C-alpha atoms as a PDB file:
ATOM      1  CA  MET A   1     114.478 -30.181-194.973  1.00  0.00           C
ATOM      2  CA  ASN A   2     116.637 -27.105-194.095  1.00  0.00           C
ATOM      3  CA  LYS A   3     113.569 -25.144-194.729  1.00  0.00           C
ATOM      4  CA  LEU A   4     111.793 -27.083-191.957  1.00  0.00           C
ATOM      5  CA  ILE A   5     114.203 -26.796-189.522  1.00  0.00           C
ATOM      6  CA  GLY A   6     114.665 -23.032-190.112  1.00  0.00           C
ATOM      7  CA  ASN A   7     110.894 -22.880-189.049  1.00  0.00           C
ATOM      8  CA  ALA A   8     111.086 -24.665-185.883  1.00  0.00           C
ATOM      9  CA  PRO A   9     109.108 -23.264-183.046  1.00  0.00           C
ATOM     10  CA  ARG A  10     111.221 -20.575-181.027  1.00  0.00           C
ATOM     11  CA  HIS A  11     109.530 -20.863-177.901  1.00  0.00           C
ATOM     12  CA  PRO A  12     111.853 -20.357-174.818  1.00  0.00           C
ATOM     13  CA  GLY A  13     110.325 -23.294-173.130  1.00  0.00           C
ATOM     14  CA  LEU A  14     111.378 -25.655-175.889  1.00  0.00           C
ATOM     15  CA  TRP A  15     114.878 -26.899-176.379  1.00  0.00           C
ATOM     16  CA  ARG A  16     116.707 -28.689-178.728  1.00  0.00           C
ATOM     17  CA  ASP A  17     119.183 -31.711-178.241  1.00  0.00           C
ATOM     18  CA  ASP A  18     121.748 -29.825-180.271  1.00  0.00           C
ATOM     19  CA  GLU A  19     121.719 -27.138-177.608  1.00  0.00           C
ATOM     20  CA  VAL A  20     122.202 -29.472-174.728  1.00  0.00           C
ATOM     21  CA  ARG A  21     125.045 -31.177-176.548  1.00  0.00           C
ATOM     22  CA  ALA A  22     126.968 -27.693-177.566  1.00  0.00           C
ATOM     23  CA  ALA A  23     126.753 -26.707-173.732  1.00  0.00           C
ATOM     24  CA  ASP A  24     128.504 -30.255-173.124  1.00  0.00           C
ATOM     25  CA  TYR A  25     131.116 -29.617-175.739  1.00  0.00           C
ATOM     26  CA  ASP A  26     134.066 -29.689-173.808  1.00  0.00           C
ATOM     27  CA  TRP A  27     133.720 -33.361-172.578  1.00  0.00           C
ATOM     28  CA  HIS A  28     131.715 -34.585-175.291  1.00  0.00           C
ATOM     29  CA  HIS A  29     134.104 -37.694-176.906  1.00  0.00           C
ATOM     30  CA  THR A  30     136.647 -37.100-174.661  1.00  0.00           C
ATOM     31  CA  PRO A  31     138.203 -40.354-173.293  1.00  0.00           C
ATOM     32  CA  ILE A  32     137.707 -41.182-169.952  1.00  0.00           C
ATOM     33  CA  ALA A  33     141.225 -40.726-167.837  1.00  0.00           C
ATOM     34  CA  CYS A  34     142.256 -43.661-165.816  1.00  0.00           C
ATOM     35  CA  MET A  35     144.603 -42.428-163.236  1.00  0.00           C
ATOM     36  CA  PRO A  36     146.628 -44.643-161.189  1.00  0.00           C
ATOM     37  CA  THR A  37     147.047 -43.660-157.644  1.00  0.00           C
ATOM     38  CA  LYS A  38     149.229 -44.374-154.452  1.00  0.00           C
ATOM     39  CA  THR A  39     147.119 -42.010-152.170  1.00  0.00           C
ATOM     40  CA  GLN A  40     143.544 -43.499-152.695  1.00  0.00           C
ATOM     41  CA  GLY A  41     143.008 -40.601-155.172  1.00  0.00           C
ATOM     42  CA  ARG A  42     144.012 -37.588-152.454  1.00  0.00           C
ATOM     43  CA  GLN A  43     146.376 -36.135-154.531  1.00  0.00           C
ATOM     44  CA  GLU A  44     144.517 -36.471-157.846  1.00  0.00           C
ATOM     45  CA  LEU A  45     141.494 -35.051-155.928  1.00  0.00           C
ATOM     46  CA  ILE A  46     143.170 -31.915-154.807  1.00  0.00           C
ATOM     47  CA  HIS A  47     144.768 -31.281-158.232  1.00  0.00           C
ATOM     48  CA  LEU A  48     141.383 -31.306-159.886  1.00  0.00           C
ATOM     49  CA  SER A  49     139.437 -29.677-156.986  1.00  0.00           C
ATOM     50  CA  ALA A  50     139.708 -26.468-158.657  1.00  0.00           C
ATOM     51  CA  GLN A  51     137.939 -27.658-162.074  1.00  0.00           C
ATOM     52  CA  LEU A  52     135.149 -29.442-159.953  1.00  0.00           C
ATOM     53  CA  ALA A  53     134.433 -26.401-158.289  1.00  0.00           C
ATOM     54  CA  GLN A  54     133.750 -24.855-161.513  1.00  0.00           C
ATOM     55  CA  LEU A  55     131.830 -27.658-162.677  1.00  0.00           C
ATOM     56  CA  SER A  56     129.591 -27.719-159.621  1.00  0.00           C
ATOM     57  CA  GLN A  57     128.462 -24.331-160.549  1.00  0.00           C
ATOM     58  CA  GLN A  58     126.805 -25.504-163.549  1.00  0.00           C
ATOM     59  CA  GLY A  59     123.892 -27.135-161.628  1.00  0.00           C
ATOM     60  CA  ARG A  60     124.730 -30.467-162.542  1.00  0.00           C
ATOM     61  CA  TRP A  61     125.771 -33.484-160.160  1.00  0.00           C
ATOM     62  CA  LEU A  62     129.505 -34.206-159.255  1.00  0.00           C
ATOM     63  CA  VAL A  63     129.283 -37.973-158.967  1.00  0.00           C
ATOM     64  CA  LEU A  64     131.580 -39.755-156.635  1.00  0.00           C
ATOM     65  CA  ILE A  65     131.308 -43.855-156.886  1.00  0.00           C
ATOM     66  CA  ASN A  66     133.148 -45.789-154.098  1.00  0.00           C
ATOM     67  CA  PRO A  67     135.219 -42.995-152.557  1.00  0.00           C
ATOM     68  CA  PRO A  68     137.436 -44.071-149.787  1.00  0.00           C
ATOM     69  CA  SER A  69     137.610 -42.278-146.374  1.00  0.00           C
ATOM     70  CA  ILE A  70     140.478 -39.822-147.406  1.00  0.00           C
ATOM     71  CA  GLY A  71     138.648 -36.451-146.296  1.00  0.00           C
ATOM     72  CA  TYR A  72     137.201 -35.622-149.654  1.00  0.00           C
ATOM     73  CA  LYS A  73     134.321 -33.683-148.376  1.00  0.00           C
ATOM     74  CA  GLN A  74     136.767 -31.266-146.815  1.00  0.00           C
ATOM     75  CA  MET A  75     138.892 -30.941-149.654  1.00  0.00           C
ATOM     76  CA  LEU A  76     136.021 -30.254-152.332  1.00  0.00           C
ATOM     77  CA  ALA A  77     134.297 -27.759-149.694  1.00  0.00           C
ATOM     78  CA  SER A  78     137.352 -25.936-149.172  1.00  0.00           C
ATOM     79  CA  ALA A  79     138.159 -25.638-153.027  1.00  0.00           C
ATOM     80  CA  GLY A  80     134.584 -24.226-153.449  1.00  0.00           C
ATOM     81  CA  VAL A  81     132.583 -27.130-154.890  1.00  0.00           C
ATOM     82  CA  ARG A  82     129.192 -26.807-154.026  1.00  0.00           C
ATOM     83  CA  MET A  83     128.557 -29.772-151.918  1.00  0.00           C
ATOM     84  CA  ASP A  84     124.577 -29.826-152.678  1.00  0.00           C
ATOM     85  CA  ARG A  85     125.490 -30.904-156.216  1.00  0.00           C
ATOM     86  CA  VAL A  86     127.731 -33.979-155.013  1.00  0.00           C
ATOM     87  CA  LEU A  87     126.139 -37.201-155.166  1.00  0.00           C
ATOM     88  CA  LEU A  88     127.835 -40.392-153.677  1.00  0.00           C
ATOM     89  CA  VAL A  89     127.195 -43.764-155.067  1.00  0.00           C
ATOM     90  CA  HIS A  90     128.478 -46.828-152.849  1.00  0.00           C
ATOM     91  CA  ALA A  91     128.395 -49.902-155.442  1.00  0.00           C
ATOM     92  CA  LYS A  92     128.819 -53.538-153.828  1.00  0.00           C
ATOM     93  CA  ASP A  93     131.098 -54.686-156.228  1.00  0.00           C
ATOM     94  CA  ASP A  94     133.073 -53.842-159.568  1.00  0.00           C
ATOM     95  CA  VAL A  95     130.295 -54.773-162.134  1.00  0.00           C
ATOM     96  CA  GLU A  96     127.946 -52.340-160.433  1.00  0.00           C
ATOM     97  CA  THR A  97     130.618 -50.087-160.176  1.00  0.00           C
ATOM     98  CA  LEU A  98     131.049 -49.762-163.774  1.00  0.00           C
ATOM     99  CA  TRP A  99     127.306 -49.747-164.400  1.00  0.00           C
ATOM    100  CA  ALA A 100     126.772 -46.681-162.231  1.00  0.00           C
ATOM    101  CA  MET A 101     129.634 -44.876-163.782  1.00  0.00           C
ATOM    102  CA  GLU A 102     128.163 -45.818-167.215  1.00  0.00           C
ATOM    103  CA  LYS A 103     124.720 -44.298-166.586  1.00  0.00           C
ATOM    104  CA  ALA A 104     126.101 -41.304-164.743  1.00  0.00           C
ATOM    105  CA  LEU A 105     128.259 -40.544-167.771  1.00  0.00           C
ATOM    106  CA  THR A 106     125.460 -40.685-170.247  1.00  0.00           C
ATOM    107  CA  SER A 107     122.714 -39.450-168.460  1.00  0.00           C
ATOM    108  CA  GLY A 108     123.374 -35.657-169.140  1.00  0.00           C
ATOM    109  CA  THR A 109     122.825 -34.934-165.602  1.00  0.00           C
ATOM    110  CA  SER A 110     126.361 -35.005-164.408  1.00  0.00           C
ATOM    111  CA  SER A 111     129.278 -32.369-165.287  1.00  0.00           C
ATOM    112  CA  ALA A 112     132.017 -35.148-163.639  1.00  0.00           C
ATOM    113  CA  VAL A 113     132.038 -38.640-162.818  1.00  0.00           C
ATOM    114  CA  ILE A 114     135.036 -39.658-160.553  1.00  0.00           C
ATOM    115  CA  THR A 115     135.022 -43.525-160.014  1.00  0.00           C
ATOM    116  CA  TRP A 116     137.481 -45.193-157.302  1.00  0.00           C
ATOM    117  CA  THR A 117     138.355 -48.935-158.395  1.00  0.00           C
ATOM    118  CA  GLN A 118     140.791 -51.666-157.416  1.00  0.00           C
ATOM    119  CA  SER A 119     142.033 -52.514-161.388  1.00  0.00           C
ATOM    120  CA  LEU A 120     140.278 -52.587-164.418  1.00  0.00           C
ATOM    121  CA  ASP A 121     141.065 -55.477-167.069  1.00  0.00           C
ATOM    122  CA  ALA A 122     141.148 -55.123-170.984  1.00  0.00           C
ATOM    123  CA  ARG A 123     137.457 -55.835-170.949  1.00  0.00           C
ATOM    124  CA  ASP A 124     136.525 -53.123-168.521  1.00  0.00           C
ATOM    125  CA  ASN A 125     138.790 -50.615-170.340  1.00  0.00           C
ATOM    126  CA  ARG A 126     137.210 -51.577-173.938  1.00  0.00           C
ATOM    127  CA  ARG A 127     133.809 -50.794-172.166  1.00  0.00           C
ATOM    128  CA  LEU A 128     135.099 -47.417-170.747  1.00  0.00           C
ATOM    129  CA  GLN A 129     136.274 -46.600-174.356  1.00  0.00           C
ATOM    130  CA  ILE A 130     132.735 -47.304-175.718  1.00  0.00           C
ATOM    131  CA  VAL A 131     131.070 -45.277-172.954  1.00  0.00           C
ATOM    132  CA  ALA A 132     133.347 -42.448-173.804  1.00  0.00           C
ATOM    133  CA  LYS A 133     131.967 -41.953-177.234  1.00  0.00           C
ATOM    134  CA  SER A 134     128.545 -41.136-175.715  1.00  0.00           C
ATOM    135  CA  ALA A 135     129.725 -39.625-172.865  1.00  0.00           C
ATOM    136  CA  ARG A 136     128.229 -36.064-171.739  1.00  0.00           C
ATOM    137  CA  ALA A 137     130.418 -35.587-168.624  1.00  0.00           C
ATOM    138  CA  MET A 138     133.931 -35.766-167.580  1.00  0.00           C
ATOM    139  CA  GLY A 139     135.146 -39.173-166.347  1.00  0.00           C
ATOM    140  CA  ILE A 140     138.047 -40.308-164.172  1.00  0.00           C
ATOM    141  CA  VAL A 141     138.724 -43.287-163.041  1.00  0.00           C
ATOM    142  CA  LEU A 142     141.288 -43.440-159.994  1.00  0.00           C
ATOM    143  CA  GLU A 143     142.819 -47.256-159.835  1.00  0.00           C
ATOM    144  CA  ASP A 144     144.202 -48.280-156.511  1.00  0.00           C
ATOM    145  CA  VAL A 145     148.197 -48.923-157.433  1.00  0.00           C
ATOM    146  CA  ASN A 146     148.704 -50.400-154.018  1.00  0.00           C
ATOM    147  CA  ASN A 147     146.319 -53.294-155.007  1.00  0.00           C
ATOM    148  CA  HIS A 148     148.362 -54.346-157.577  1.00  0.00           C
ATOM    149  CA  LEU A 149     151.352 -55.118-155.524  1.00  0.00           C
ATOM    150  CA  PRO A 150     151.940 -58.609-154.022  1.00  0.00           C
ATOM    151  CA  ASN A 151     150.674 -59.414-150.561  1.00  0.00           C
ATOM    152  CA  ASP A 152     154.205 -59.336-149.036  1.00  0.00           C
ATOM    153  CA  LEU A 153     154.790 -56.015-150.305  1.00  0.00           C
ATOM    154  CA  HIS A 154     151.425 -54.530-148.760  1.00  0.00           C
ATOM    155  CA  ILE A 155     152.419 -55.994-145.218  1.00  0.00           C
ATOM    156  CA  GLU A 156     156.241 -54.599-145.909  1.00  0.00           C
ATOM    157  CA  GLN A 157     154.742 -50.995-146.606  1.00  0.00           C
ATOM    158  CA  GLY A 158     152.490 -51.179-143.684  1.00  0.00           C
ATOM    159  CA  ARG A 159     155.352 -51.827-141.278  1.00  0.00           C
ATOM    160  CA  ARG A 160     157.506 -49.095-142.628  1.00  0.00           C
ATOM    161  CA  LEU A 161     154.713 -46.621-142.547  1.00  0.00           C
ATOM    162  CA  SER A 162     154.033 -47.836-139.021  1.00  0.00           C
ATOM    163  CA  GLN A 163     157.760 -47.311-138.061  1.00  0.00           C
ATOM    164  CA  PRO A 164     158.591 -44.090-135.776  1.00  0.00           C
ATOM    165  CA  SER A 165     161.678 -43.445-138.089  1.00  0.00           C
ATOM    166  CA  PHE A 166     159.534 -43.042-141.311  1.00  0.00           C
ATOM    167  CA  PHE A 167     157.740 -39.989-139.573  1.00  0.00           C
ATOM    168  CA  SER A 168     160.985 -38.496-137.781  1.00  0.00           C
ATOM    169  CA  ALA A 169     162.375 -38.429-141.504  1.00  0.00           C
ATOM    170  CA  ILE A 170     159.820 -36.079-142.579  1.00  0.00           C
ATOM    171  CA  HIS A 171     160.000 -32.525-141.262  1.00  0.00           C
END
């Protein structure tokens, strides 16, 4: 059998699956990172922007699923991300969001997949662990921590942020 593999055609227009996997080795079998965020992912995206700029140069997609309006376009563009390689996906619910993430991670056409979601339950986390085994891209889930707070705390946080004393304390 090794003899047959050694005599495989060497035409430059042909490729083998193991060559594609070798190019994806950095992220292959890497767990999907779940990051809690209080800033709707703004700080995390700033932190990842240099790495995303490098990944965008590979010519594969950077997939953003359900990004909030946090100025991500300006952040990514100023970091040097090729904006023609950014693919936006707007899912209607959590089921569709996880399905889109799964497809983007396993398709082989993406370098990174970043998903914004409210929260993941145990079943969703397990599903992502299974997907991570066959993922061919970096996967990041940004969970909004503010949505885990009781409604009274959401209202109280909103009041604190709208008070002038909050802004006068920050110089």
